[in-house]
Protein backbone atom coordinates (compact mmCIF):
# COMPACT_ATOMS: atom_id res chain seq x y z
CA MET A 1 22.89 36.74 55.08
CA ILE A 2 19.30 37.85 54.14
CA GLU A 3 17.57 37.53 50.67
CA PHE A 4 17.18 40.75 48.92
CA LYS A 5 13.62 40.64 48.44
CA THR A 6 13.17 40.19 52.09
CA TYR A 7 15.54 42.99 52.78
CA VAL A 8 14.05 45.53 50.63
CA SER A 9 10.38 44.87 51.94
CA SER A 10 11.36 45.62 55.66
CA PHE A 11 11.30 49.29 54.37
CA LYS A 12 8.48 51.08 54.23
CA THR A 13 9.20 53.34 51.42
CA ASN A 14 8.85 52.68 47.53
CA TYR A 15 12.51 53.07 46.87
CA VAL A 16 15.54 52.03 48.67
CA TRP A 17 18.89 53.88 48.30
CA PHE A 18 22.18 51.69 48.56
CA ASP A 19 25.67 53.64 49.22
CA ILE A 20 27.43 50.44 47.72
CA LEU A 21 25.93 47.89 45.46
CA ILE A 22 27.99 44.82 44.31
CA ALA A 23 26.63 43.01 41.36
CA GLY A 24 27.41 39.62 40.95
CA GLY A 25 29.10 38.00 37.91
CA GLN A 26 32.58 38.23 36.44
CA LEU A 27 33.19 42.12 36.41
CA SER A 28 35.14 42.33 32.96
CA VAL A 29 31.82 42.46 31.31
CA PHE A 30 31.35 46.14 32.67
CA PRO A 31 34.52 48.53 32.16
CA ARG A 32 36.76 46.53 29.70
CA HIS A 33 36.80 47.79 26.07
CA ARG A 34 38.46 44.46 25.12
CA MET A 35 35.30 42.76 25.88
CA LYS A 36 33.02 44.84 23.69
CA GLU A 37 32.76 42.11 21.01
CA ASN A 38 29.99 40.35 23.25
CA HIS A 39 28.07 43.43 23.96
CA GLY A 40 24.69 43.12 22.36
CA CYS A 41 25.64 39.58 20.98
CA LYS A 42 23.24 37.86 23.56
CA ALA A 43 20.62 37.00 21.07
CA LEU A 44 23.17 35.61 18.53
CA PHE A 45 24.57 33.25 21.42
CA TYR A 46 21.10 32.06 22.22
CA ASN A 47 20.04 31.44 18.39
CA TRP A 48 23.53 29.45 17.92
CA ARG A 49 22.44 27.34 21.08
CA PHE A 50 18.78 26.75 19.65
CA LYS A 51 20.02 25.86 16.33
CA ILE A 52 22.33 23.12 17.56
CA PHE A 53 19.67 21.79 19.74
CA GLY A 54 17.26 21.77 16.95
CA TYR A 55 19.65 20.47 14.37
CA ASN A 56 20.23 17.36 16.64
CA GLY A 57 16.68 16.69 17.84
CA PHE A 58 16.69 17.89 21.40
CA ASP A 59 14.27 20.43 23.17
CA PRO A 60 16.23 23.57 24.28
CA ASN A 61 13.69 24.25 26.88
CA HIS A 62 14.08 20.93 28.44
CA VAL A 63 14.39 20.88 32.27
CA PRO A 64 15.67 18.00 34.24
CA ARG A 65 13.46 16.25 36.90
CA LYS A 66 16.27 15.02 39.13
CA HIS A 67 19.98 16.16 39.77
CA TYR A 68 22.92 15.00 37.85
CA ILE A 69 26.58 16.11 38.61
CA ILE A 70 29.08 16.03 35.78
CA ILE A 71 32.87 16.66 36.42
CA THR A 72 34.99 17.34 33.30
CA ASN A 73 37.93 15.27 33.07
CA LYS A 74 40.28 17.47 30.87
CA SER A 75 42.57 14.96 29.68
CA HIS A 76 43.25 16.14 26.39
CA SER A 77 44.52 19.43 24.82
CA ILE A 78 46.33 20.60 21.60
CA TRP A 79 47.92 23.63 23.89
CA ALA A 80 49.41 21.05 26.36
CA HIS A 81 53.12 21.34 26.86
CA PRO A 82 55.07 18.39 25.21
CA GLY A 83 55.32 15.46 27.39
CA SER A 84 52.67 16.86 29.92
CA LYS A 85 49.62 14.74 30.87
CA ARG A 86 47.26 17.76 31.66
CA HIS A 87 46.47 21.34 30.53
CA ARG A 88 44.63 23.52 32.97
CA ALA A 89 42.81 20.22 34.49
CA ILE A 90 41.86 19.28 37.86
CA ALA A 91 44.69 17.69 39.36
CA ASN A 92 43.13 15.82 42.10
CA LEU A 93 40.15 14.58 40.08
CA LYS A 94 39.93 11.07 41.36
CA GLU A 95 39.73 12.24 45.05
CA ILE A 96 37.14 14.89 44.01
CA GLU A 97 35.02 12.29 42.15
CA SER A 98 34.98 9.89 45.39
CA SER A 99 34.27 12.76 47.94
CA ILE A 100 31.53 14.11 45.75
CA LYS A 101 29.90 10.63 45.53
CA LEU A 102 30.16 9.99 49.23
CA THR A 103 28.87 13.39 50.31
CA TYR A 104 25.82 13.09 47.79
CA PRO A 105 25.30 9.25 47.52
CA THR A 106 21.61 10.09 46.15
CA ILE A 107 22.69 12.04 43.37
CA SER A 108 24.01 10.37 40.10
CA THR A 109 27.80 11.61 39.46
CA GLU A 110 29.78 11.09 36.37
CA VAL A 111 33.19 11.95 34.99
CA ILE A 112 33.45 12.72 31.30
CA GLU A 113 36.18 13.29 28.85
CA TRP A 114 34.10 15.20 26.09
CA HIS A 115 36.52 14.35 23.54
CA SER A 116 35.69 10.70 23.90
CA ILE A 117 31.98 10.58 23.16
CA PRO A 118 29.93 11.62 20.03
CA PHE A 119 28.59 15.38 19.88
CA LYS A 120 25.00 14.10 19.96
CA THR A 121 25.76 12.17 23.29
CA GLN A 122 27.55 15.17 24.72
CA ILE A 123 24.45 17.66 24.13
CA GLU A 124 22.19 14.75 25.66
CA LYS A 125 24.47 14.71 28.88
CA LEU A 126 24.69 18.39 29.15
CA LEU A 127 20.96 19.04 28.67
CA ASN A 128 20.13 16.76 31.58
CA THR A 129 22.94 18.08 34.02
CA THR A 130 21.93 20.25 36.80
CA ILE A 131 25.48 20.89 38.17
CA LEU A 132 28.80 21.24 35.97
CA ILE A 133 32.08 21.33 37.32
CA THR A 134 34.45 21.94 34.91
CA PRO A 135 38.17 23.63 34.46
CA CYS A 136 38.32 27.04 32.78
CA GLY A 137 39.38 27.50 29.29
CA GLY A 138 37.91 26.26 25.93
CA VAL A 139 36.11 23.07 27.64
CA SER A 140 34.18 25.71 29.67
CA LEU A 141 32.35 26.75 26.57
CA ILE A 142 29.95 23.68 26.71
CA ILE A 143 28.34 25.88 29.56
CA PRO A 144 25.70 27.32 27.21
CA MET A 145 24.30 23.68 26.41
CA LEU A 146 23.15 23.25 29.94
CA PRO A 147 19.37 23.44 30.71
CA ARG A 148 17.72 26.41 32.43
CA GLY A 149 18.41 26.83 35.82
CA ALA A 150 21.45 24.69 36.05
CA HIS A 151 24.69 25.61 37.94
CA ALA A 152 28.03 25.65 36.58
CA ILE A 153 31.22 25.47 38.78
CA VAL A 154 34.19 26.76 36.90
CA MET A 155 37.84 26.69 38.35
CA ASP A 156 39.71 29.87 38.14
CA TYR A 157 43.34 29.95 37.44
CA TYR A 158 46.22 31.86 39.46
CA ALA A 159 47.06 35.05 37.10
CA THR A 160 50.83 35.39 37.06
CA THR A 161 50.04 38.21 34.50
CA SER A 162 47.15 40.82 34.36
CA GLY A 163 43.99 39.79 32.06
CA PRO A 164 40.30 41.16 31.53
CA GLY A 165 38.92 41.84 35.04
CA TYR A 166 41.91 40.56 37.18
CA ASN A 167 45.34 41.46 38.05
CA ALA A 168 48.49 39.34 38.38
CA GLY A 169 48.50 37.67 41.71
CA GLU A 170 44.68 37.29 41.60
CA SER A 171 42.24 34.66 40.84
CA GLY A 172 41.39 34.71 37.05
CA ALA A 173 38.09 33.61 35.30
CA MET A 174 39.10 33.21 31.52
CA GLU A 175 35.69 33.14 29.83
CA GLY A 176 34.01 35.02 32.61
CA ALA A 177 33.03 37.89 30.38
CA PHE A 178 31.39 35.66 27.85
CA LEU A 179 29.51 33.74 30.26
CA ASN A 180 28.00 36.58 31.80
CA HIS A 181 25.94 36.76 28.52
CA ILE A 182 24.54 33.08 29.08
CA SER A 183 22.10 34.16 31.62
CA HIS A 184 20.01 30.90 32.07
CA VAL A 185 22.89 29.13 33.77
CA GLN A 186 24.03 30.12 37.07
CA LYS A 187 27.78 30.41 37.39
CA GLN A 188 29.95 29.92 40.49
CA TYR A 189 33.79 30.60 40.00
CA TYR A 190 36.03 28.35 42.41
CA GLN A 191 38.61 30.85 43.12
CA VAL A 192 42.37 30.08 43.26
CA TYR A 193 44.48 32.03 45.98
CA GLY A 194 48.04 30.91 45.88
CA ARG A 195 50.60 28.20 45.41
CA SER A 196 48.95 25.47 47.57
CA ASP A 197 45.80 25.73 45.03
CA TYR A 198 47.80 24.67 41.94
CA GLU A 199 50.84 22.46 40.58
CA PHE A 200 53.18 22.75 37.77
CA TYR A 201 53.53 20.04 35.14
CA TYR A 202 57.06 19.98 35.18
CA PRO A 203 60.16 21.42 36.77
CA GLY A 204 60.87 24.94 35.77
CA ALA A 205 57.39 25.94 34.83
CA THR A 206 56.30 29.26 35.66
CA ASP A 207 52.86 30.20 33.91
CA SER A 208 50.28 28.87 36.16
CA ARG A 209 47.74 29.37 33.21
CA GLU A 210 49.46 27.18 30.59
CA GLN A 211 51.36 24.98 32.74
CA ALA A 212 49.51 24.10 35.82
CA SER A 213 46.32 22.37 37.03
CA ILE A 214 44.00 23.19 39.90
CA ILE A 215 44.14 21.49 43.10
CA VAL A 216 40.60 21.46 44.41
CA ASN A 217 39.65 21.87 48.00
CA MET A 218 36.54 19.51 48.61
CA THR A 219 35.55 21.62 51.61
CA ARG A 220 35.33 24.69 49.56
CA LEU A 221 33.79 22.84 46.63
CA GLN A 222 31.10 21.36 48.66
CA LEU A 223 30.16 24.92 49.81
CA LEU A 224 29.54 25.71 46.25
CA ILE A 225 27.74 22.29 45.47
CA ASP A 226 25.56 23.00 48.64
CA LYS A 227 24.71 26.37 47.51
CA ALA A 228 23.63 25.36 43.81
CA LEU A 229 21.35 22.57 45.39
CA GLU A 230 19.99 24.99 47.68
CA GLU A 231 19.14 27.61 44.66
CA MET A 232 17.45 24.75 42.80
CA GLN A 233 15.01 23.51 45.50
CA PRO A 234 11.34 23.95 44.22
């Protein structure tokens, strides 16, 4: 692996032609006409962000001086199946929390149920977060409140039906098209490859988007965390 700048500078020409160029990000931002409502709206998204910070007395340009990892505990959802304890959550949350604290003992790590704390406290915590680990879905829409340069690791889900940017049988990113417009935060998507990566809530469930939670592999997650820490080095 080589950095783009280093690679390009190795050529003694003003321009470099690539036969194939793969652009990072959730690809549904490019071809899908269904995503057109996001196009040209970046200024509105950031105006919304700045107004929320200003109204609550926070500096939207604040940059944390030390690392802080937050893991979202999605323990409540109005969309949850009756009798289910979770809805598109991290199934092995306690295991992941313990592993992260053991692997990164010098970094403060906290698990948060966002609905259980005041809105102003939510903003304060997010503005001091350098790595956010969160399920996809509505709860991931807190990502715009992260500080500049922060990283968000978002859990995908296993798609049983096609969606914007992915087909049935692939790893699906629910808010990827929107999050592409939140350019001050680096996004990494924890992909879900098959049946061993999620668990259903109840017998007979078939929809892995609405009726399942993600089983996170710590080895794979650690690669994403390490990459985030590497990119945030001064």
